[in-house]
Amino acid sequence: MRLVEPANAAMLTDLYELTMAASYFGRAMNELATFELFIRSLPAERNFLVAAGLEDALDYLESFHFSEDGLGYLSTLGLFDEAFLGYLRDFRFTGDVWAMAEGEAVFPQEPLLRVTAPLIEAQFVETFLLNCISYQTMVTSKAARISIACEGRAFVDFSPRRDHGADAALKAARASFIGGADATSNVLAGQLFGIPVSGTMAHSYVMSFEREIDAFQQYAADFPGQATLLLDTYDTIAGAQNAVVVGRELAANGETLHGVRLDSGDMDALSREVRAMLDAAGLRDTEIFASGDLDEHRIRALLSAGAPIDAFGVGTQLGTSADAPALGAVYKLVENTSGPRMKRSTGKATLPGTKQVYRVERGGTFEHDTIALAEEPAMEGRPLLEPVMRGGRRTGPSPLLRAVRDRAAVSVRSLPAHLRALDGPRTPYPVGISAGIQALIQGGAHG
């Protein structure tokens, strides 16, 4: 199994980061430079994003180094001289980082992260930062939409078997939890991050017994008070009848059947019929859990119809953010010792200068943001970018994951109501540009 780890993370980069670094090194170009990471535009069905991935980014920057194995491989490419490879041997990140806190709502053009460091360092970390922040922001934002649809009901990240790699499965579990998932099926994520883990049973477990009811009885006996029985291996209603038998047996012993799971068919009709069967048997505390290619739209439709479903498992649509599987995240040079820099490409122009973002909130609701130059007098509102790294080291301890999750929940609740809608783009959240940035653009900031 080959995974990204601190010993090889420096090699997870695009080749051109190395060739540019070699060129800069050969020409003694290593002055201070500032780069900013931002999202160009929202995906079609998104009205907001929720920032995530910063902890991975800081871990990477603090531990950045090239191993002897990595340097040995680079020497075989025939691209780099011994002087440059020797420079890489002692290469560390020594820069400063300002960032939006994980869990903060974010909008297009707003820097999620700002790096100021010697040019080679600031340039080289581009690939990894884009990878970890854009993916986790994407999944966290998807989870926030699912949380909105669930209307207070629990949902579980069921995505690891569908995620695009083992590393993605861990990141998806953490990002989903930040965005509102109550638990994950990913046991390693539970161990590493302290996320509650949750699971039911597979159809193969039921099929491994001669009779469905035997499987249900054995599982309930092995996990008293925690068993959730999967009903649709053969026939959902027949499965519910067997679950009722098991539930009554447990009740007679003073125990409870925790739940039953629907994984196919007409979820609305089946949930009503199963709920009626459970209630008639006195199993009112037994929950109905639904899964099966669910997303925020299907969940919203089920709950709007009044389906008596207590909790949901969301897999593929969450871990891959299937309707919007990529964000247009970019990492661009905005200032160096020559002054503010601006890319002018058609459709891809950037805002010049080192920036801060200010958010105005009134009555518990976000009203508008302003992107301003960091050197301008403070604008109205709360500054969103905070120093998180000085000289290549964190400025403070990492926040607790549950605190990050709480911040995301507050952030989403504070959005204007129309931005929390799930059925397509609405009037965009207002993000203004300061007079200082406007002057730079009009005055011809360096291209």
Protein backbone atom coordinates (compact mmCIF):
# COMPACT_ATOMS: atom_id res chain seq x y z
CA MET A 1 0.00 0.00 0.00
CA ARG A 2 1.46 3.31 -1.05
CA LEU A 3 0.13 6.35 0.74
CA VAL A 4 1.14 9.96 1.10
CA GLU A 5 2.96 10.51 4.39
CA PRO A 6 5.32 13.17 5.80
CA ALA A 7 8.37 11.35 4.40
CA ASN A 8 7.18 11.68 0.79
CA ALA A 9 4.62 14.51 0.80
CA ALA A 10 7.13 16.96 -0.71
CA MET A 11 7.14 14.79 -3.84
CA LEU A 12 3.37 15.15 -4.26
CA THR A 13 3.77 18.07 -6.62
CA ASP A 14 3.51 18.91 -10.28
CA LEU A 15 6.79 18.65 -12.14
CA TYR A 16 6.67 22.28 -13.16
CA GLU A 17 6.89 23.35 -9.53
CA LEU A 18 10.33 21.71 -9.47
CA THR A 19 11.48 23.05 -12.82
CA MET A 20 10.38 26.58 -11.88
CA ALA A 21 12.12 26.21 -8.52
CA ALA A 22 15.30 25.09 -10.26
CA SER A 23 15.14 28.06 -12.61
CA TYR A 24 14.54 30.49 -9.74
CA PHE A 25 17.42 28.91 -7.82
CA GLY A 26 19.80 29.14 -10.76
CA ARG A 27 19.01 32.82 -11.17
CA ALA A 28 19.10 33.65 -7.44
CA MET A 29 15.43 34.67 -7.58
CA ASN A 30 14.18 34.02 -4.07
CA GLU A 31 12.77 37.30 -2.81
CA LEU A 32 9.67 37.37 -0.62
CA ALA A 33 6.44 36.71 -2.52
CA THR A 34 2.79 36.43 -1.55
CA PHE A 35 0.41 33.91 -3.10
CA GLU A 36 -3.31 33.55 -2.39
CA LEU A 37 -5.57 30.52 -2.78
CA PHE A 38 -9.17 31.23 -3.76
CA ILE A 39 -12.13 29.83 -5.68
CA ARG A 40 -12.82 31.57 -8.99
CA SER A 41 -16.56 30.84 -9.12
CA LEU A 42 -19.21 28.70 -7.46
CA PRO A 43 -20.34 25.42 -9.03
CA ALA A 44 -23.76 25.61 -10.68
CA GLU A 45 -25.80 24.38 -7.70
CA ARG A 46 -23.83 26.09 -4.94
CA ASN A 47 -24.72 29.35 -3.24
CA PHE A 48 -21.87 29.13 -0.71
CA LEU A 49 -18.83 27.09 0.26
CA VAL A 50 -17.44 26.12 3.66
CA ALA A 51 -13.68 26.32 4.12
CA ALA A 52 -11.84 23.14 5.13
CA GLY A 53 -8.47 21.45 4.76
CA LEU A 54 -6.36 23.98 6.67
CA GLU A 55 -5.11 21.47 9.25
CA ASP A 56 -3.71 19.20 6.55
CA ALA A 57 -2.12 22.21 4.89
CA LEU A 58 -0.38 23.29 8.09
CA ASP A 59 0.77 19.73 8.86
CA TYR A 60 2.30 19.58 5.39
CA LEU A 61 4.05 22.93 5.66
CA GLU A 62 5.49 22.20 9.10
CA SER A 63 6.88 18.80 8.13
CA PHE A 64 7.95 19.68 4.59
CA HIS A 65 11.26 18.08 3.57
CA PHE A 66 12.76 15.94 0.85
CA SER A 67 13.84 12.42 1.74
CA GLU A 68 16.97 10.82 0.35
CA ASP A 69 14.72 8.46 -1.65
CA GLY A 70 12.96 11.43 -3.19
CA LEU A 71 16.18 13.22 -4.03
CA GLY A 72 17.54 10.01 -5.52
CA TYR A 73 14.54 9.78 -7.81
CA LEU A 74 14.83 13.43 -8.86
CA SER A 75 18.47 12.86 -9.77
CA THR A 76 17.41 10.21 -12.31
CA LEU A 77 15.23 12.66 -14.26
CA GLY A 78 18.17 14.42 -15.85
CA LEU A 79 16.61 17.82 -15.16
CA PHE A 80 18.34 19.05 -12.03
CA ASP A 81 22.00 19.75 -11.23
CA GLU A 82 23.74 18.78 -8.02
CA ALA A 83 23.66 22.32 -6.64
CA PHE A 84 19.87 22.43 -6.83
CA LEU A 85 19.47 18.92 -5.41
CA GLY A 86 21.77 19.94 -2.56
CA TYR A 87 19.56 22.96 -1.93
CA LEU A 88 16.50 20.70 -1.77
CA ARG A 89 18.22 18.45 0.78
CA ASP A 90 17.97 21.19 3.40
CA PHE A 91 14.77 22.76 2.04
CA ARG A 92 12.13 23.68 4.63
CA PHE A 93 9.11 25.97 4.61
CA THR A 94 9.91 29.15 6.56
CA GLY A 95 7.04 31.40 5.52
CA ASP A 96 4.00 33.03 7.07
CA VAL A 97 0.43 31.88 6.46
CA TRP A 98 -2.84 33.71 7.00
CA ALA A 99 -6.04 31.76 6.50
CA MET A 100 -9.78 31.62 6.99
CA ALA A 101 -10.68 29.32 9.85
CA GLU A 102 -12.02 25.92 8.89
CA GLY A 103 -15.81 26.01 9.01
CA GLU A 104 -16.07 29.60 7.78
CA ALA A 105 -18.43 30.29 4.88
CA VAL A 106 -16.53 31.51 1.85
CA PHE A 107 -17.38 32.99 -1.54
CA PRO A 108 -15.67 33.44 -4.93
CA GLN A 109 -12.50 35.55 -5.14
CA GLU A 110 -12.05 35.56 -1.35
CA PRO A 111 -8.66 34.19 -0.27
CA LEU A 112 -9.05 31.07 1.84
CA LEU A 113 -5.33 31.11 2.46
CA ARG A 114 -2.41 33.52 1.94
CA VAL A 115 1.24 32.49 1.89
CA THR A 116 4.16 34.92 2.21
CA ALA A 117 7.57 33.27 1.91
CA PRO A 118 10.73 33.25 -0.19
CA LEU A 119 9.57 32.79 -3.78
CA ILE A 120 10.75 29.20 -4.18
CA GLU A 121 9.00 28.09 -1.00
CA ALA A 122 5.78 29.97 -1.73
CA GLN A 123 5.64 28.64 -5.29
CA PHE A 124 6.55 25.07 -4.54
CA VAL A 125 3.70 24.31 -2.11
CA GLU A 126 0.99 25.20 -4.67
CA THR A 127 0.02 21.69 -5.74
CA PHE A 128 -0.45 20.21 -2.30
CA LEU A 129 -2.31 23.21 -0.92
CA LEU A 130 -4.76 23.22 -3.81
CA ASN A 131 -5.28 19.48 -3.51
CA CYS A 132 -6.06 19.35 0.20
CA ILE A 133 -8.00 22.61 0.57
CA SER A 134 -10.12 22.47 -2.57
CA TYR A 135 -11.18 18.82 -2.07
CA GLN A 136 -12.04 19.19 1.59
CA THR A 137 -13.83 22.50 1.02
CA MET A 138 -15.86 20.79 -1.71
CA VAL A 139 -16.90 17.85 0.52
CA THR A 140 -17.57 20.03 3.56
CA SER A 141 -19.82 22.24 1.45
CA LYS A 142 -21.69 19.20 0.14
CA ALA A 143 -22.13 17.91 3.70
CA ALA A 144 -23.49 21.31 4.77
CA ARG A 145 -26.14 21.09 2.04
CA ILE A 146 -27.08 17.57 3.16
CA SER A 147 -27.32 18.82 6.73
CA ILE A 148 -29.70 21.55 5.61
CA ALA A 149 -31.85 18.95 3.85
CA CYS A 150 -31.91 16.68 6.92
CA GLU A 151 -33.66 19.37 9.00
CA GLY A 152 -32.05 18.29 12.24
CA ARG A 153 -32.04 14.55 11.56
CA ALA A 154 -28.75 12.72 11.72
CA PHE A 155 -26.76 11.58 8.71
CA VAL A 156 -23.70 9.37 8.45
CA ASP A 157 -20.78 9.47 6.01
CA PHE A 158 -21.02 6.16 4.15
CA SER A 159 -18.54 7.17 1.44
CA PRO A 160 -15.17 5.40 1.96
CA ARG A 161 -15.86 2.56 -0.47
CA ARG A 162 -16.78 5.08 -3.17
CA ASP A 163 -14.16 7.77 -2.52
CA HIS A 164 -11.33 8.29 -4.95
CA GLY A 165 -8.60 6.67 -2.91
CA ALA A 166 -7.72 5.88 0.71
CA ASP A 167 -6.40 9.38 1.40
CA ALA A 168 -9.60 10.87 0.01
CA ALA A 169 -11.70 8.61 2.25
CA LEU A 170 -10.01 9.98 5.37
CA LYS A 171 -10.30 13.57 4.21
CA ALA A 172 -13.93 13.05 3.23
CA ALA A 173 -14.82 11.68 6.67
CA ARG A 174 -13.27 14.66 8.44
CA ALA A 175 -14.72 17.17 5.97
CA SER A 176 -18.17 15.58 6.22
CA PHE A 177 -18.08 15.82 10.00
CA ILE A 178 -17.19 19.51 9.80
CA GLY A 179 -20.07 20.04 7.39
CA GLY A 180 -22.63 18.40 9.66
CA ALA A 181 -22.39 14.60 9.43
CA ASP A 182 -22.99 13.02 12.83
CA ALA A 183 -20.75 10.00 12.27
CA THR A 184 -18.77 8.05 9.70
CA SER A 185 -18.55 4.42 8.75
CA ASN A 186 -14.77 4.88 8.34
CA VAL A 187 -13.13 3.27 11.36
CA LEU A 188 -9.68 4.75 10.70
CA ALA A 189 -11.21 8.23 10.58
CA GLY A 190 -12.81 7.49 13.92
CA GLN A 191 -9.46 6.49 15.37
CA LEU A 192 -7.49 9.42 13.93
CA PHE A 193 -9.99 12.24 14.35
CA GLY A 194 -12.29 11.10 17.15
CA ILE A 195 -15.34 11.13 14.87
CA PRO A 196 -18.17 8.84 16.08
CA VAL A 197 -18.36 5.68 13.99
CA SER A 198 -21.60 4.06 12.89
CA GLY A 199 -22.66 1.07 10.84
CA THR A 200 -25.39 -1.46 10.23
CA MET A 201 -24.91 -4.75 8.34
CA ALA A 202 -24.44 -5.85 4.73
CA HIS A 203 -26.73 -7.99 2.60
CA SER A 204 -24.01 -10.66 2.59
CA TYR A 205 -24.42 -11.06 6.36
CA VAL A 206 -28.11 -11.83 5.92
CA MET A 207 -27.38 -14.17 3.02
CA SER A 208 -24.83 -16.07 5.11
CA PHE A 209 -27.63 -17.53 7.24
CA GLU A 210 -30.25 -20.03 6.14
CA ARG A 211 -33.07 -17.69 7.12
CA GLU A 212 -33.24 -13.92 7.31
CA ILE A 213 -34.70 -14.05 10.80
CA ASP A 214 -31.73 -16.13 11.97
CA ALA A 215 -29.38 -13.40 10.80
CA PHE A 216 -31.45 -10.74 12.57
CA GLN A 217 -31.64 -12.70 15.83
CA GLN A 218 -27.92 -13.44 15.92
CA TYR A 219 -26.89 -9.87 15.12
CA ALA A 220 -29.25 -8.45 17.73
CA ALA A 221 -27.87 -10.91 20.27
CA ASP A 222 -24.27 -9.97 19.45
CA PHE A 223 -24.90 -6.21 19.61
CA PRO A 224 -27.71 -5.70 22.13
CA GLY A 225 -29.26 -2.26 21.97
CA GLN A 226 -27.11 -1.27 19.00
CA ALA A 227 -28.29 -3.45 16.13
CA THR A 228 -29.77 -1.91 12.99
CA LEU A 229 -31.27 -4.59 10.76
CA LEU A 230 -31.07 -4.35 6.97
CA LEU A 231 -34.53 -5.13 5.60
CA ASP A 232 -34.26 -5.37 1.80
CA THR A 233 -32.04 -8.38 1.08
CA TYR A 234 -35.06 -10.34 -0.17
CA ASP A 235 -38.27 -8.40 0.42
CA THR A 236 -38.48 -5.24 2.52
CA ILE A 237 -41.89 -5.85 4.05
CA ALA A 238 -41.09 -9.48 4.85
CA GLY A 239 -37.84 -8.23 6.35
CA ALA A 240 -39.78 -5.74 8.46
CA GLN A 241 -42.00 -8.55 9.71
CA ASN A 242 -38.90 -10.48 10.80
CA ALA A 243 -37.51 -7.35 12.44
CA VAL A 244 -40.76 -6.99 14.40
CA VAL A 245 -40.38 -10.55 15.69
CA VAL A 246 -36.83 -9.78 16.82
CA GLY A 247 -37.87 -6.46 18.30
CA ARG A 248 -40.57 -8.12 20.38
CA GLU A 249 -38.11 -10.77 21.58
CA LEU A 250 -35.71 -8.05 22.66
CA ALA A 251 -38.48 -6.09 24.38
CA ALA A 252 -39.45 -9.17 26.35
CA ASN A 253 -35.90 -9.21 27.73
CA GLY A 254 -35.94 -5.49 28.51
CA GLU A 255 -33.85 -4.61 25.47
CA THR A 256 -34.51 -2.40 22.42
CA LEU A 257 -34.10 -2.92 18.71
CA HIS A 258 -32.13 0.19 17.79
CA GLY A 259 -33.15 0.48 14.16
CA VAL A 260 -33.99 -0.91 10.75
CA ARG A 261 -32.45 0.17 7.48
CA LEU A 262 -34.07 0.75 4.09
CA ASP A 263 -31.64 0.62 1.18
CA SER A 264 -33.78 0.36 -1.96
CA GLY A 265 -37.25 0.80 -3.39
CA ASP A 266 -39.82 3.52 -2.79
CA MET A 267 -38.38 4.99 0.40
CA ASP A 268 -41.41 7.14 1.11
CA ALA A 269 -44.00 4.35 0.84
CA LEU A 270 -41.80 1.74 2.49
CA SER A 271 -40.88 3.97 5.42
CA ARG A 272 -44.56 4.65 6.11
CA GLU A 273 -45.48 0.97 5.98
CA VAL A 274 -42.52 -0.10 8.09
CA ARG A 275 -43.17 2.66 10.63
CA ALA A 276 -46.76 1.53 10.96
CA MET A 277 -45.64 -2.07 11.51
CA LEU A 278 -43.09 -1.07 14.15
CA ASP A 279 -45.55 1.18 15.98
CA ALA A 280 -48.29 -1.47 15.95
CA ALA A 281 -45.81 -3.85 17.57
CA GLY A 282 -44.99 -1.33 20.29
CA LEU A 283 -41.53 -0.67 18.81
CA ARG A 284 -41.92 3.10 18.71
CA ASP A 285 -38.31 3.69 19.75
CA THR A 286 -36.93 1.68 16.85
CA GLU A 287 -35.57 4.13 14.27
CA ILE A 288 -35.82 3.95 10.50
CA PHE A 289 -32.50 4.56 8.77
CA ALA A 290 -32.38 5.13 4.99
CA SER A 291 -29.51 4.77 2.54
CA GLY A 292 -29.05 4.05 -1.16
CA ASP A 293 -27.53 6.75 -3.41
CA LEU A 294 -29.09 9.55 -1.41
CA ASP A 295 -28.24 13.22 -1.75
CA GLU A 296 -29.67 16.46 -0.40
CA HIS A 297 -32.38 16.60 -3.06
CA ARG A 298 -33.69 13.08 -2.41
CA ILE A 299 -33.55 13.63 1.34
CA ARG A 300 -35.38 16.95 1.05
CA ALA A 301 -38.05 15.32 -1.15
CA LEU A 302 -38.57 12.47 1.31
CA LEU A 303 -38.90 14.72 4.33
CA SER A 304 -41.08 17.22 2.50
CA ALA A 305 -43.43 14.34 1.67
CA GLY A 306 -43.56 13.42 5.36
CA ALA A 307 -41.59 10.17 5.15
CA PRO A 308 -41.03 8.96 8.75
CA ILE A 309 -37.27 8.49 8.37
CA ASP A 310 -35.09 9.23 11.40
CA ALA A 311 -31.59 9.21 9.92
CA PHE A 312 -29.71 8.82 6.64
CA GLY A 313 -26.54 7.24 5.28
CA VAL A 314 -24.98 9.18 2.41
CA GLY A 315 -22.09 7.71 0.44
CA THR A 316 -21.19 8.29 -3.19
CA GLN A 317 -22.94 11.63 -3.53
CA LEU A 318 -21.14 12.96 -0.45
CA GLY A 319 -17.56 11.71 -0.75
CA THR A 320 -17.32 12.57 -4.44
CA SER A 321 -19.63 15.60 -4.31
CA ALA A 322 -21.05 14.00 -7.43
CA ASP A 323 -23.04 16.96 -8.73
CA ALA A 324 -20.07 19.33 -8.34
CA PRO A 325 -16.98 17.09 -8.16
CA ALA A 326 -14.38 19.83 -8.48
CA LEU A 327 -13.86 23.43 -7.44
CA GLY A 328 -12.14 26.03 -9.57
CA ALA A 329 -9.52 26.66 -6.90
CA VAL A 330 -6.38 28.55 -7.91
CA TYR A 331 -3.20 29.71 -6.20
CA LYS A 332 -1.82 32.92 -7.64
CA LEU A 333 1.02 35.36 -7.10
CA VAL A 334 -0.48 38.63 -5.86
CA GLU A 335 2.56 40.57 -4.64
CA ASN A 336 6.35 40.49 -4.55
CA THR A 337 9.16 42.92 -3.86
CA SER A 338 8.26 44.79 -7.07
CA GLY A 339 4.76 45.44 -5.70
CA PRO A 340 1.25 44.09 -6.37
CA ARG A 341 0.95 41.60 -9.24
CA MET A 342 -2.10 40.95 -11.38
CA LYS A 343 -2.90 38.26 -13.92
CA ARG A 344 -4.87 39.75 -16.81
CA SER A 345 -5.87 36.67 -18.84
CA THR A 346 -9.36 36.87 -20.34
CA GLY A 347 -11.79 35.26 -17.92
CA LYS A 348 -8.99 34.51 -15.47
CA ALA A 349 -7.90 37.92 -14.25
CA THR A 350 -6.88 38.11 -10.59
CA LEU A 351 -7.16 40.83 -7.96
CA PRO A 352 -3.76 42.40 -7.20
CA GLY A 353 -2.16 42.89 -3.81
CA THR A 354 -2.02 41.15 -0.44
CA LYS A 355 -5.58 41.04 0.85
CA GLN A 356 -7.88 40.77 3.84
CA VAL A 357 -11.60 39.93 3.82
CA TYR A 358 -14.10 41.66 6.09
CA ARG A 359 -17.56 40.28 6.87
CA VAL A 360 -20.45 42.42 8.07
CA GLU A 361 -23.12 40.66 10.14
CA ARG A 362 -26.36 42.16 11.36
CA GLY A 363 -28.92 40.47 13.55
CA GLY A 364 -27.14 37.13 13.32
CA THR A 365 -27.13 37.13 9.50
CA PHE A 366 -24.21 37.75 7.17
CA GLU A 367 -24.92 40.90 5.18
CA HIS A 368 -21.94 41.41 2.88
CA ASP A 369 -18.17 40.94 2.56
CA THR A 370 -15.45 43.28 1.36
CA ILE A 371 -12.14 42.17 -0.13
CA ALA A 372 -9.55 44.83 0.72
CA LEU A 373 -5.81 45.32 0.70
CA ALA A 374 -4.20 44.16 3.92
CA GLU A 375 -2.44 47.52 4.16
CA GLU A 376 -5.67 49.56 3.88
CA PRO A 377 -7.31 50.91 7.04
CA ALA A 378 -9.59 48.28 8.55
CA MET A 379 -12.98 48.06 6.91
CA GLU A 380 -16.33 47.59 8.59
CA GLY A 381 -16.87 44.05 9.80
CA ARG A 382 -14.92 41.07 11.10
CA PRO A 383 -11.57 40.24 9.44
CA LEU A 384 -11.67 36.64 8.24
CA LEU A 385 -8.00 35.95 7.51
CA GLU A 386 -5.99 35.24 10.66
CA PRO A 387 -2.27 34.46 11.12
CA VAL A 388 -1.91 30.70 11.52
CA MET A 389 1.82 30.25 10.80
CA ARG A 390 4.90 32.39 11.39
CA GLY A 391 8.33 31.36 10.20
CA GLY A 392 7.07 27.96 9.17
CA ARG A 393 5.54 27.11 12.56
CA ARG A 394 1.95 27.26 13.79
CA THR A 395 1.01 30.31 15.79
CA GLY A 396 -1.10 28.27 18.19
CA PRO A 397 -2.62 24.86 18.92
CA SER A 398 -5.01 23.21 16.51
CA PRO A 399 -8.70 23.76 17.33
CA LEU A 400 -10.77 20.82 18.44
CA LEU A 401 -12.60 19.20 15.55
CA ARG A 402 -15.96 19.61 17.27
CA ALA A 403 -15.25 23.34 17.65
CA VAL A 404 -14.62 23.51 13.89
CA ARG A 405 -17.87 21.64 13.30
CA ASP A 406 -19.73 24.07 15.54
CA ARG A 407 -18.22 27.02 13.65
CA ALA A 408 -19.44 25.56 10.35
CA ALA A 409 -22.95 25.10 11.76
CA VAL A 410 -23.06 28.70 12.97
CA SER A 411 -21.67 29.93 9.65
CA VAL A 412 -24.31 28.14 7.62
CA ARG A 413 -27.10 29.27 9.96
CA SER A 414 -25.87 32.84 9.56
CA LEU A 415 -26.20 32.83 5.78
CA PRO A 416 -29.13 34.74 4.30
CA ALA A 417 -32.04 32.30 4.00
CA HIS A 418 -32.08 32.36 0.19
CA LEU A 419 -28.47 31.11 0.09
CA ARG A 420 -29.43 27.99 2.05
CA ALA A 421 -31.83 26.93 -0.70
CA LEU A 422 -30.93 23.66 -2.43
CA ASP A 423 -32.69 24.05 -5.75
CA GLY A 424 -30.27 26.08 -7.79
CA PRO A 425 -28.42 29.38 -7.82
CA ARG A 426 -30.01 32.36 -6.14
CA THR A 427 -29.06 36.03 -5.91
CA PRO A 428 -25.33 35.89 -5.10
CA TYR A 429 -24.02 36.91 -1.72
CA PRO A 430 -22.62 40.45 -2.07
CA VAL A 431 -18.83 40.60 -2.07
CA GLY A 432 -17.37 44.04 -2.70
CA ILE A 433 -13.89 45.18 -3.74
CA SER A 434 -12.21 47.99 -1.81
CA ALA A 435 -11.18 51.31 -3.28
CA GLY A 436 -7.53 50.35 -2.84
CA ILE A 437 -7.85 47.26 -5.02
CA GLN A 438 -9.90 49.18 -7.58
CA ALA A 439 -7.17 51.79 -7.78
CA LEU A 440 -4.52 49.14 -8.38
CA ILE A 441 -6.58 47.57 -11.17
CA GLN A 442 -7.27 50.89 -12.84
CA GLY A 443 -3.73 52.11 -12.28
CA GLY A 444 -2.21 49.16 -14.06
CA ALA A 445 -0.81 46.89 -11.36
CA HIS A 446 2.10 44.83 -12.64
CA GLY A 447 1.04 42.00 -14.90
